[in-house]
């Protein structure tokens, strides 16, 4: 059985080509890019689009 080809994707942060297999930081190319992205989420520079919900709104539907 032949080996699978190495998958190469651009790093979501720096766009540098990054290996998918044998990469502990995937989908990022390095720990640095991974930590920069994590910091962007923590400082709210990234977000999921949509209207923010009030805390507990989802629980109201259960009763």
Protein backbone atom coordinates (compact mmCIF):
# COMPACT_ATOMS: atom_id res chain seq x y z
CA UNK A 1 0.00 0.00 0.00
CA UNK A 2 1.57 3.35 -0.99
CA UNK A 3 2.14 6.09 1.56
CA UNK A 4 -0.32 8.96 1.61
CA UNK A 5 0.99 12.21 0.11
CA UNK A 6 1.99 14.96 2.51
CA UNK A 7 -0.75 17.55 2.79
CA UNK A 8 0.41 21.18 2.71
CA UNK A 9 -1.90 24.04 3.74
CA UNK A 10 -1.27 27.74 4.31
CA UNK A 11 -0.95 28.73 7.97
CA UNK A 12 -4.12 30.63 8.99
CA UNK A 13 -2.01 33.37 10.56
CA UNK A 14 1.07 33.99 8.39
CA UNK A 15 0.00 32.07 5.23
CA UNK A 16 3.35 30.18 5.16
CA UNK A 17 3.01 26.62 3.76
CA UNK A 18 2.47 24.22 6.64
CA UNK A 19 2.50 20.42 6.79
CA UNK A 20 -0.67 18.80 8.10
CA UNK A 21 0.90 15.51 9.17
CA UNK A 22 3.53 15.35 11.93
CA UNK A 23 2.77 18.96 12.91
CA UNK A 24 1.94 19.45 16.61
CA UNK A 25 0.66 23.01 15.95
CA UNK A 26 -1.61 22.25 13.01
CA UNK A 27 -3.27 24.02 11.32
CA UNK A 28 -0.61 26.62 12.21
CA UNK A 29 2.99 26.44 11.03
CA UNK A 30 4.49 27.08 14.46
CA UNK A 31 3.75 27.53 18.14
CA UNK A 32 4.25 31.28 17.66
CA UNK A 33 1.43 31.55 15.09
CA UNK A 34 -0.80 29.37 17.28
CA UNK A 35 -0.25 31.62 20.33
CA UNK A 36 -0.79 34.81 18.33
CA UNK A 37 -4.13 33.45 17.12
CA UNK A 38 -5.11 32.41 20.66
CA UNK A 39 -4.26 35.92 21.88
CA UNK A 40 -6.44 37.43 19.16
CA UNK A 41 -9.41 35.36 20.38
CA UNK A 42 -8.70 36.23 24.04
CA UNK A 43 -8.54 39.96 23.29
CA UNK A 44 -11.71 39.70 21.15
CA UNK A 45 -10.02 40.70 17.88
CA UNK A 46 -11.65 37.55 16.47
CA UNK A 47 -15.29 36.72 16.95
CA UNK A 48 -18.12 34.60 15.67
CA UNK A 49 -20.61 36.68 13.65
CA UNK A 50 -24.14 37.05 14.89
CA UNK A 51 -26.16 38.81 17.52
CA UNK A 52 -24.84 38.34 21.02
CA UNK A 53 -27.27 36.50 23.25
CA UNK A 54 -28.03 37.39 26.82
CA UNK A 55 -26.67 34.97 29.42
CA UNK A 56 -29.27 32.33 30.15
CA UNK A 57 -31.28 32.83 26.94
CA UNK A 58 -30.64 29.23 25.89
CA UNK A 59 -31.86 27.89 29.24
CA UNK A 60 -35.22 29.68 28.96
CA UNK A 61 -36.19 27.30 26.15
CA UNK A 62 -35.82 24.28 28.45
CA UNK A 63 -38.66 25.26 30.79
